Amino acid sequence: MYNFSKYMEIFKINNKNYIFNLNNGCLIEVDDSTIGKMELFKNGYQEDILNNLERQTLIDNQFLVSEGFDEKQEKINHLTYSISKYNNNKDFLKVDFALTDKCNFNCPYCFECNNLSRNHEHNCKSLIETGNELYSYISKFLEKGIKKVEIVFYGGEPTLEKDFVADYIKRIYLLCKEYNTSFQYVFITNGFLFTKDFSDRLPKDCCKFIQITIDGEKEFHNQRRTNLAKINTFDKIIENVNQLISNRFYVVIRLNIDKSNFESIGAFIDNIGELIDLKHKQYLGFDIARVFGSDMSYDLYEYEKVRKVLLSKLMKIGLSKPRLSCKALTTFCIAESLSNDLVLDYKGNLYRCWNNVFDDKFKINTLRDLMKNNLDPLDHTDVTLDFIENLSLENVNNKECFKCKYCKYCQGICPAIRRSILNGIEENIYKDDLCKKIIRERLENEISFIGV
C-alpha cells in the first residue's frame, strides 16, 4: 500500500505544475491532468486512478512511499545530524584561520568591528608561532590518513599578511602533496590588495575560491567599503577581480544587502558587463547575503523577496543557477560540532564560531593546549555547551526540526542566527511556522528560475 510522502511539495509557478521531493531533491513537471489524479488519490481513490507510468514514476522517485517511510526518514535525519555532530574520525579537516585582527577598511556593518585592532604593527611573532603549531596539527592528521585539508584565510583583512600567507600556502601544499592528500584554500577578503603581484605568488590549482565583497555601484560602495581616508576602493577591487578571473582564479562576489543598498546592488548587476569581463564568467560566482543586526537589516522573510529580485537578474545573464539540493541533514558548521575542525586566530586561540573571533569571552581553548592533550578536545566550556546543546537542533524549536519536511533543504539555519532568535534580537521564525513559509518561498523562487 502506497501513500504520498509528506516530503512531496506541489508548486504552481508561471502556469506550470511542479512536484518537488524535499527528501531527495527530485523535481518533476507534471500536467494538470496528473495533478488532478494525484489529488483524487490523496482523497481516497484507488491507486489505479494513476496509469502505470505515472504510478511507477512517483514510486521510483519516492513521491509515493510505503507505510512507515516518512517516520523512518525522520530517524535518519536525527541520526545523520548526530553523527556529524560528534564525529571526530572524518577524512576531511577544515581550518578557519584569522591571520590578523587588523583591517584596511572601516565597514560600518562589520561583525568584528568592536574586536579589531587599530594598532598597525604587525603580529609576526604570534602569527609565525601559530602557523608552525597549525602545521604540526595538520601533520598529525595527515599521518592518520586524512584525505583532504581546507584552510579558509580571513581576518581582519588577510592580505595585510600577504608575505606570510603566500609562503604558508605553499608550505601546506607541499606537506599535503607529500601524503598524496588534497589541499584547498579560500580567501575571505575585501579584495583591495589582491593584486596580480600577490596572486602570482599563489598556486591556483588548489585555490577553491576567493570571496570579495562589493556593496553596490561605485559611489555607494565607496561610502561603505573604504578606509578612514575615504579613498576610491571600488575601481581597484574591480581591477583585481578582472585580473583574477582572467588568470583562472575562481572569484565569488559577495553582495551584502540591506534596505539602504538594495537598489544600488541591483544597478551594479544590471551594469556588470561594463565592469567585469564576462568572457571569463566561468570563474565568477555570486553570494547574496543579508546584513543582520542593523536598523537597516531586512528580516528573514523580507530578505527572500529582495533576494529573488537580485537572483533573477543574475540568472538572466547566466551568472547564477537554481539551487535545489537536498543533502543529508548535518550540523550547519564547525560551531555546533565536536569535530577536529578549527576556528583559529593568529595568537593560537580557538573559538566555536568565526563571528566571535578575537572576542576573549568566546575563546574556548588554545591550539597549543590542544596539541599538548594529544588532540583530544578540551573545550567543554560554557561557550561550547551553548553551541553544542542550547543551539542544537535537538533543542531549538521544541525539537521539531527533525520532523520538518523542509529540514534537508533548510539545514537548520546558522547557529548564530538561532542564538539571535533565542535572545530576541532576530524575529522568532519558529513561531507560527514562519520558518516553513520562508523555506517554501525560497524553493518557489529557485524553481521559478528554471529555464530563465
Protein backbone atom coordinates (compact mmCIF):
# COMPACT_ATOMS: atom_id res chain seq x y z
CA MET A 1 0.00 0.00 0.00
CA TYR A 2 1.45 3.33 -1.07
CA ASN A 3 0.72 6.87 0.11
CA PHE A 4 2.12 10.24 -0.82
CA SER A 5 5.17 11.18 1.22
CA LYS A 6 4.99 14.25 3.41
CA TYR A 7 8.26 15.28 1.68
CA MET A 8 6.37 15.94 -1.56
CA GLU A 9 5.69 19.61 -2.22
CA ILE A 10 3.47 20.86 -5.06
CA PHE A 11 4.09 24.22 -6.76
CA LYS A 12 2.12 26.14 -9.36
CA ILE A 13 4.54 28.57 -11.00
CA ASN A 14 4.01 30.50 -14.23
CA ASN A 15 1.06 28.23 -15.14
CA LYS A 16 3.22 25.12 -14.75
CA ASN A 17 2.84 22.39 -12.12
CA TYR A 18 5.89 21.02 -10.32
CA ILE A 19 6.26 18.32 -7.71
CA PHE A 20 9.43 18.52 -5.63
CA ASN A 21 10.79 15.86 -3.31
CA LEU A 22 12.23 17.51 -0.22
CA ASN A 23 13.95 14.26 0.73
CA ASN A 24 15.97 13.57 -2.43
CA GLY A 25 15.79 16.80 -4.46
CA CYS A 26 13.84 15.31 -7.38
CA LEU A 27 11.83 17.88 -9.38
CA ILE A 28 9.25 16.82 -11.97
CA GLU A 29 6.98 18.99 -14.11
CA VAL A 30 3.51 17.46 -14.38
CA ASP A 31 0.40 18.41 -16.32
CA ASP A 32 -2.96 19.47 -14.89
CA SER A 33 -4.46 16.03 -15.52
CA THR A 34 -1.83 14.27 -13.41
CA ILE A 35 -2.20 16.83 -10.62
CA GLY A 36 -5.95 16.17 -10.65
CA LYS A 37 -5.40 12.41 -10.40
CA MET A 38 -2.93 12.91 -7.54
CA GLU A 39 -5.48 14.97 -5.64
CA LEU A 40 -8.12 12.26 -6.12
CA PHE A 41 -5.66 9.60 -4.95
CA LYS A 42 -4.83 11.63 -1.82
CA ASN A 43 -8.55 11.88 -1.11
CA GLY A 44 -9.01 8.13 -1.01
CA TYR A 45 -9.40 6.96 -4.59
CA GLN A 46 -7.72 3.69 -5.57
CA GLU A 47 -4.16 3.59 -6.92
CA ASP A 48 -5.45 2.69 -10.39
CA ILE A 49 -6.61 6.28 -10.80
CA LEU A 50 -2.98 6.75 -11.88
CA ASN A 51 -1.77 5.00 -15.03
CA ASN A 52 1.17 2.58 -14.78
CA LEU A 53 3.78 5.11 -15.95
CA GLU A 54 2.56 7.82 -13.56
CA ARG A 55 2.41 5.42 -10.62
CA GLN A 56 5.84 3.89 -11.26
CA THR A 57 7.48 7.30 -11.76
CA LEU A 58 6.06 8.50 -8.45
CA ILE A 59 7.24 5.33 -6.68
CA ASP A 60 10.71 5.36 -8.24
CA ASN A 61 11.26 8.96 -7.15
CA GLN A 62 9.80 8.43 -3.66
CA PHE A 63 6.77 10.64 -4.04
CA LEU A 64 4.66 7.54 -3.39
CA VAL A 65 6.09 5.61 -0.45
CA SER A 66 5.20 2.59 1.62
CA GLU A 67 3.84 2.83 5.16
CA GLY A 68 6.43 3.94 7.71
CA PHE A 69 8.80 5.51 5.16
CA ASP A 70 8.44 9.10 6.44
CA GLU A 71 8.82 8.08 10.09
CA LYS A 72 11.99 6.17 9.21
CA GLN A 73 13.35 9.24 7.38
CA GLU A 74 12.81 11.39 10.50
CA LYS A 75 15.01 8.96 12.45
CA ILE A 76 17.62 9.01 9.68
CA ASN A 77 17.65 12.82 9.77
CA HIS A 78 18.32 12.76 13.50
CA LEU A 79 20.98 10.09 13.08
CA THR A 80 22.94 11.86 10.30
CA TYR A 81 22.83 15.09 12.32
CA SER A 82 24.11 13.34 15.46
CA ILE A 83 26.88 11.57 13.56
CA SER A 84 28.12 14.85 12.08
CA LYS A 85 27.89 16.50 15.50
CA TYR A 86 30.10 14.01 17.34
CA ASN A 87 32.20 12.51 14.54
CA ASN A 88 35.92 13.04 15.12
CA ASN A 89 37.03 10.48 12.56
CA LYS A 90 36.04 12.06 9.27
CA ASP A 91 38.60 12.20 6.47
CA PHE A 92 38.30 15.97 5.91
CA LEU A 93 39.93 18.69 8.03
CA LYS A 94 38.82 22.32 7.74
CA VAL A 95 40.53 25.26 9.43
CA ASP A 96 39.22 28.83 9.52
CA PHE A 97 42.38 30.85 10.17
CA ALA A 98 42.06 34.54 11.12
CA LEU A 99 45.51 35.86 10.18
CA THR A 100 45.14 39.30 11.72
CA ASP A 101 42.80 41.48 13.75
CA LYS A 102 43.68 44.47 11.59
CA CYS A 103 41.82 45.77 8.55
CA ASN A 104 42.50 48.45 5.95
CA PHE A 105 38.75 49.11 5.61
CA ASN A 106 36.24 50.59 8.05
CA CYS A 107 32.92 48.99 7.03
CA PRO A 108 30.02 50.09 9.30
CA TYR A 109 28.29 46.68 9.49
CA CYS A 110 31.37 44.53 10.15
CA PHE A 111 30.61 41.84 12.73
CA GLU A 112 34.18 42.16 14.04
CA CYS A 113 34.23 45.96 14.29
CA ASN A 114 34.39 46.03 18.11
CA ASN A 115 37.19 43.46 18.23
CA LEU A 116 39.53 44.74 15.50
CA SER A 117 42.84 46.34 16.43
CA ARG A 118 43.69 49.83 15.19
CA ASN A 119 47.34 49.22 16.06
CA HIS A 120 49.05 48.77 12.70
CA GLU A 121 52.14 47.00 13.97
CA HIS A 122 52.48 43.51 12.53
CA ASN A 123 51.92 40.46 14.71
CA CYS A 124 54.69 38.47 13.05
CA LYS A 125 55.89 36.55 16.09
CA SER A 126 52.45 35.30 17.16
CA LEU A 127 51.42 34.54 13.60
CA ILE A 128 54.57 32.57 12.80
CA GLU A 129 54.29 30.58 16.05
CA THR A 130 50.64 29.79 15.42
CA GLY A 131 51.39 28.89 11.81
CA ASN A 132 54.01 26.39 12.99
CA GLU A 133 51.58 24.90 15.53
CA LEU A 134 48.91 24.56 12.85
CA TYR A 135 51.45 22.89 10.54
CA SER A 136 52.12 20.32 13.27
CA TYR A 137 48.39 19.86 13.87
CA ILE A 138 47.72 19.20 10.18
CA SER A 139 50.74 16.85 10.05
CA LYS A 140 49.24 14.71 12.82
CA PHE A 141 46.06 14.20 10.81
CA LEU A 142 47.96 13.51 7.61
CA GLU A 143 49.80 10.75 9.47
CA LYS A 144 46.38 9.33 10.38
CA GLY A 145 45.45 9.15 6.69
CA ILE A 146 43.15 12.15 6.30
CA LYS A 147 42.13 12.67 2.64
CA LYS A 148 41.52 16.41 2.35
CA VAL A 149 42.64 19.63 4.04
CA GLU A 150 40.99 23.03 3.53
CA ILE A 151 42.12 26.33 5.06
CA VAL A 152 39.99 29.48 4.94
CA PHE A 153 42.13 32.59 5.40
CA TYR A 154 40.32 35.62 6.76
CA GLY A 155 40.83 38.33 9.37
CA GLY A 156 40.56 41.31 9.74
CA GLU A 157 41.97 41.53 6.25
CA PRO A 158 44.17 38.54 5.41
CA THR A 159 46.09 40.26 2.59
CA LEU A 160 47.69 42.54 5.20
CA GLU A 161 49.78 39.43 5.93
CA LYS A 162 50.41 38.62 2.27
CA ASP A 163 54.05 37.56 2.69
CA PHE A 164 53.20 35.12 5.44
CA VAL A 165 50.12 33.66 3.74
CA ALA A 166 51.72 33.23 0.30
CA ASP A 167 54.60 31.27 1.82
CA TYR A 168 52.30 29.36 4.17
CA ILE A 169 50.01 28.14 1.39
CA LYS A 170 53.00 26.75 -0.49
CA ARG A 171 54.22 25.12 2.71
CA ILE A 172 50.91 23.35 3.39
CA TYR A 173 50.54 22.49 -0.29
CA LEU A 174 53.89 20.67 -0.27
CA LEU A 175 53.08 18.95 3.02
CA CYS A 176 49.78 17.58 1.70
CA LYS A 177 51.42 16.59 -1.58
CA GLU A 178 53.92 14.51 0.41
CA TYR A 179 50.99 12.49 1.80
CA ASN A 180 49.09 12.45 -1.50
CA THR A 181 46.33 14.42 0.20
CA SER A 182 44.06 17.01 -1.44
CA PHE A 183 44.58 20.60 -0.29
CA GLN A 184 42.43 23.64 -0.98
CA TYR A 185 42.49 27.20 0.30
CA VAL A 186 39.95 30.02 0.40
CA PHE A 187 40.34 33.76 0.95
CA ILE A 188 37.67 35.97 2.54
CA THR A 189 38.95 39.41 1.58
CA ASN A 190 37.89 42.92 0.68
CA GLY A 191 39.99 42.44 -2.48
CA PHE A 192 41.74 45.81 -2.41
CA LEU A 193 45.25 44.35 -2.01
CA PHE A 194 44.63 41.22 -4.08
CA THR A 195 46.83 42.48 -6.91
CA LYS A 196 48.43 40.45 -9.69
CA ASP A 197 51.80 40.59 -7.92
CA PHE A 198 50.20 38.83 -4.95
CA SER A 199 48.06 36.32 -6.86
CA ASP A 200 51.10 35.32 -8.97
CA ARG A 201 52.63 34.00 -5.74
CA LEU A 202 49.70 31.65 -5.09
CA PRO A 203 49.20 28.13 -6.54
CA LYS A 204 45.96 28.48 -8.48
CA ASP A 205 45.28 24.74 -8.90
CA CYS A 206 44.44 24.38 -5.20
CA CYS A 207 42.52 27.65 -4.80
CA LYS A 208 38.87 26.80 -4.11
CA PHE A 209 37.70 30.40 -4.37
CA ILE A 210 38.45 33.98 -3.38
CA GLN A 211 35.47 35.81 -1.86
CA ILE A 212 35.42 39.56 -2.48
CA THR A 213 32.63 41.86 -1.29
CA ILE A 214 31.07 44.60 -3.41
CA ASP A 215 28.31 46.68 -1.86
CA GLY A 216 26.74 48.24 -4.94
CA GLU A 217 27.59 50.82 -7.56
CA LYS A 218 30.84 52.75 -7.27
CA GLU A 219 29.51 55.74 -5.33
CA PHE A 220 27.58 53.67 -2.79
CA HIS A 221 30.31 51.04 -2.43
CA ASN A 222 32.90 53.75 -1.71
CA GLN A 223 30.70 55.15 1.04
CA ARG A 224 30.55 51.83 2.88
CA ARG A 225 33.62 49.81 1.95
CA THR A 226 36.52 52.19 2.27
CA ASN A 227 39.12 53.33 4.80
CA LEU A 228 39.16 56.30 7.16
CA ALA A 229 40.55 58.48 4.37
CA LYS A 230 37.50 57.62 2.20
CA ILE A 231 39.56 56.65 -0.86
CA ASN A 232 38.10 55.10 -4.01
CA THR A 233 38.34 51.34 -3.37
CA PHE A 234 35.80 50.30 -6.00
CA ASP A 235 37.94 50.73 -9.12
CA LYS A 236 40.90 48.87 -7.64
CA ILE A 237 38.72 45.98 -6.48
CA ILE A 238 37.10 45.66 -9.92
CA GLU A 239 40.57 45.72 -11.49
CA ASN A 240 41.67 42.92 -9.14
CA VAL A 241 38.56 40.83 -9.84
CA ASN A 242 39.23 41.06 -13.57
CA GLN A 243 42.86 40.05 -13.29
CA LEU A 244 41.98 37.12 -11.02
CA ILE A 245 39.30 35.61 -13.25
CA SER A 246 41.41 36.19 -16.37
CA ASN A 247 44.12 34.15 -14.65
CA ARG A 248 41.61 31.38 -13.81
CA PHE A 249 41.19 32.02 -10.11
CA TYR A 250 37.57 31.41 -9.11
CA VAL A 251 36.12 34.56 -7.54
CA VAL A 252 32.89 34.72 -5.55
CA ILE A 253 31.49 38.24 -5.36
CA ARG A 254 29.70 38.68 -2.09
CA LEU A 255 26.73 41.06 -2.18
CA ASN A 256 25.79 42.16 1.34
CA ILE A 257 22.30 43.64 1.13
CA ASP A 258 20.17 45.73 3.43
CA LYS A 259 17.45 48.33 2.92
CA SER A 260 19.98 51.06 2.13
CA ASN A 261 21.78 49.40 -0.79
CA PHE A 262 19.27 47.06 -2.43
CA GLU A 263 18.70 49.42 -5.37
CA SER A 264 22.43 50.04 -5.80
CA ILE A 265 23.21 46.30 -5.79
CA GLY A 266 20.54 45.82 -8.47
CA ALA A 267 22.06 48.58 -10.61
CA PHE A 268 25.53 47.06 -10.15
CA ILE A 269 24.25 43.73 -11.50
CA ASP A 270 22.48 45.47 -14.41
CA ASN A 271 25.76 47.10 -15.46
CA ILE A 272 28.14 44.30 -14.54
CA GLY A 273 29.09 43.58 -18.14
CA GLU A 274 30.58 47.09 -18.39
CA LEU A 275 32.75 46.46 -15.33
CA ILE A 276 33.75 42.80 -15.40
CA ASP A 277 34.95 40.86 -18.45
CA LEU A 278 32.23 38.21 -18.71
CA LYS A 279 34.12 36.13 -21.25
CA HIS A 280 35.71 34.67 -18.09
CA LYS A 281 32.40 34.22 -16.28
CA GLN A 282 33.05 30.51 -15.71
CA TYR A 283 35.43 31.74 -12.98
CA LEU A 284 32.85 34.04 -11.43
CA GLY A 285 30.21 33.26 -8.81
CA PHE A 286 27.92 35.30 -6.58
CA ASP A 287 26.79 35.01 -2.98
CA ILE A 288 23.88 37.19 -1.88
CA ALA A 289 23.90 37.69 1.88
CA ARG A 290 21.78 39.55 4.40
CA VAL A 291 23.34 42.20 6.62
CA PHE A 292 21.99 41.44 10.09
CA GLY A 293 21.99 43.29 13.40
CA SER A 294 21.37 46.72 11.86
CA ASP A 295 18.37 49.07 11.83
CA MET A 296 18.53 48.75 8.04
CA SER A 297 18.52 44.94 8.03
CA TYR A 298 15.76 43.02 6.31
CA ASP A 299 14.02 40.43 8.41
CA LEU A 300 14.38 36.86 7.18
CA TYR A 301 11.05 36.83 5.32
CA GLU A 302 11.60 40.22 3.67
CA TYR A 303 15.04 39.07 2.62
CA GLU A 304 13.62 36.23 0.49
CA LYS A 305 11.61 38.76 -1.54
CA VAL A 306 14.56 41.02 -2.35
CA ARG A 307 16.93 38.06 -2.85
CA LYS A 308 14.60 36.78 -5.58
CA VAL A 309 14.82 40.08 -7.47
CA LEU A 310 18.62 40.10 -7.43
CA LEU A 311 18.95 36.39 -8.26
CA SER A 312 16.60 36.83 -11.20
CA LYS A 313 18.92 39.49 -12.61
CA LEU A 314 21.94 37.18 -12.20
CA MET A 315 20.10 34.22 -13.77
CA LYS A 316 19.14 36.20 -16.85
CA ILE A 317 22.78 36.93 -17.65
CA GLY A 318 23.97 33.41 -16.81
CA LEU A 319 25.74 34.27 -13.55
CA SER A 320 23.74 32.03 -11.24
CA LYS A 321 21.83 28.75 -11.32
CA PRO A 322 18.86 27.38 -9.34
CA ARG A 323 19.86 25.58 -6.13
CA LEU A 324 17.61 22.68 -5.24
CA SER A 325 19.96 20.31 -3.42
CA CYS A 326 18.54 18.29 -0.52
CA LYS A 327 21.56 16.66 1.11
CA ALA A 328 21.71 14.63 4.31
CA LEU A 329 20.93 16.68 7.41
CA THR A 330 24.17 17.53 9.20
CA THR A 331 25.47 20.20 11.52
CA PHE A 332 25.40 23.59 9.83
CA CYS A 333 29.06 24.39 10.51
CA ILE A 334 32.01 23.86 12.86
CA ALA A 335 30.25 25.78 15.64
CA GLU A 336 27.78 23.04 16.59
CA SER A 337 30.02 20.01 16.13
CA LEU A 338 32.79 18.35 18.15
CA SER A 339 34.88 17.55 15.08
CA ASN A 340 38.59 18.24 14.71
CA ASP A 341 37.92 21.32 12.57
CA LEU A 342 39.22 24.61 13.95
CA VAL A 343 38.33 28.30 14.14
CA LEU A 344 41.72 29.79 14.93
CA ASP A 345 43.19 33.27 15.34
CA TYR A 346 46.79 34.34 14.79
CA LYS A 347 47.51 34.16 18.55
CA GLY A 348 46.56 30.48 18.61
CA ASN A 349 43.19 30.99 20.32
CA LEU A 350 40.32 28.69 19.38
CA TYR A 351 36.64 29.60 19.00
CA ARG A 352 33.40 27.88 18.12
CA CYS A 353 32.12 30.46 15.62
CA TRP A 354 34.11 32.80 13.42
CA ASN A 355 31.62 35.56 14.22
CA ASN A 356 33.18 35.55 17.70
CA VAL A 357 36.86 35.54 16.77
CA PHE A 358 39.08 38.00 18.73
CA ASP A 359 36.41 38.26 21.45
CA ASP A 360 38.02 36.83 24.58
CA LYS A 361 34.76 35.87 26.23
CA PHE A 362 34.11 33.41 23.40
CA LYS A 363 37.58 31.85 23.43
CA ILE A 364 37.34 28.12 24.18
CA ASN A 365 40.96 26.98 24.19
CA THR A 366 44.33 27.34 22.51
CA LEU A 367 45.84 25.24 19.75
CA ARG A 368 48.94 24.71 21.88
CA ASP A 369 46.93 23.16 24.73
CA LEU A 370 45.04 21.02 22.24
CA MET A 371 48.33 19.69 20.88
CA LYS A 372 49.59 19.02 24.41
CA ASN A 373 46.44 17.00 25.09
CA ASN A 374 47.16 14.71 22.12
CA LEU A 375 44.44 16.42 20.01
CA ASP A 376 41.66 15.34 22.39
CA PRO A 377 39.04 18.11 22.80
CA LEU A 378 39.44 20.12 26.00
CA ASP A 379 36.85 22.78 25.41
CA HIS A 380 33.86 21.76 27.48
CA THR A 381 33.27 25.42 28.28
CA ASP A 382 30.02 27.31 28.61
CA VAL A 383 30.57 28.61 25.06
CA THR A 384 30.90 25.07 23.69
CA LEU A 385 27.88 23.82 25.61
CA ASP A 386 25.87 26.76 24.33
CA PHE A 387 26.55 25.81 20.69
CA ILE A 388 26.55 22.03 21.11
CA GLU A 389 23.50 21.81 23.36
CA ASN A 390 21.44 25.00 23.67
CA LEU A 391 21.66 25.95 19.98
CA SER A 392 21.50 22.36 18.71
CA LEU A 393 18.61 21.26 16.51
CA GLU A 394 17.99 18.75 19.28
CA ASN A 395 16.85 21.63 21.48
CA VAL A 396 15.78 24.68 19.47
CA ASN A 397 12.24 24.94 18.09
CA ASN A 398 10.96 22.39 20.63
CA LYS A 399 12.93 19.66 18.78
CA GLU A 400 10.58 19.93 15.81
CA CYS A 401 13.25 20.39 13.11
CA PHE A 402 13.91 16.65 12.63
CA LYS A 403 10.22 16.11 11.90
CA CYS A 404 10.02 19.02 9.47
CA LYS A 405 9.72 18.10 5.80
CA TYR A 406 11.97 21.04 4.85
CA CYS A 407 14.91 20.11 7.13
CA LYS A 408 17.23 18.63 4.46
CA TYR A 409 16.86 21.72 2.29
CA CYS A 410 16.99 24.18 5.19
CA GLN A 411 19.83 22.50 7.16
CA GLY A 412 18.68 24.30 10.29
CA ILE A 413 19.98 27.85 9.57
CA CYS A 414 23.15 29.35 11.04
CA PRO A 415 23.63 28.70 14.79
CA ALA A 416 24.49 32.38 15.31
CA ILE A 417 21.05 33.29 13.94
CA ARG A 418 19.47 30.64 16.20
CA ARG A 419 21.14 32.39 19.14
CA SER A 420 19.85 35.78 17.96
CA ILE A 421 16.34 34.33 17.80
CA LEU A 422 16.61 32.88 21.31
CA ASN A 423 17.94 36.22 22.61
CA GLY A 424 15.13 38.20 20.96
CA ILE A 425 17.49 40.03 18.57
CA GLU A 426 16.03 38.38 15.46
CA GLU A 427 12.36 37.68 14.84
CA ASN A 428 11.28 34.26 16.13
CA ILE A 429 10.76 32.50 12.82
CA TYR A 430 9.84 29.27 14.61
CA LYS A 431 6.62 30.90 15.83
CA ASP A 432 3.57 30.10 13.70
CA ASP A 433 5.81 28.10 11.33
CA LEU A 434 7.22 31.25 9.73
CA CYS A 435 10.45 29.32 9.09
CA LYS A 436 8.50 26.91 6.85
CA LYS A 437 6.96 29.80 4.94
CA ILE A 438 10.43 31.27 4.38
CA ILE A 439 11.85 27.99 3.05
CA ARG A 440 8.84 27.38 0.80
CA GLU A 441 9.26 30.92 -0.54
CA ARG A 442 12.92 30.21 -1.32
CA LEU A 443 12.08 26.92 -3.02
CA GLU A 444 9.38 28.54 -5.10
CA ASN A 445 11.81 31.26 -6.12
CA GLU A 446 14.52 28.78 -7.10
CA ILE A 447 12.10 26.66 -9.17
CA SER A 448 10.81 29.78 -10.89
CA PHE A 449 14.34 30.41 -12.19
CA ILE A 450 14.43 27.15 -14.14
CA GLY A 451 14.60 27.98 -17.82
CA VAL A 452 15.33 31.67 -17.17
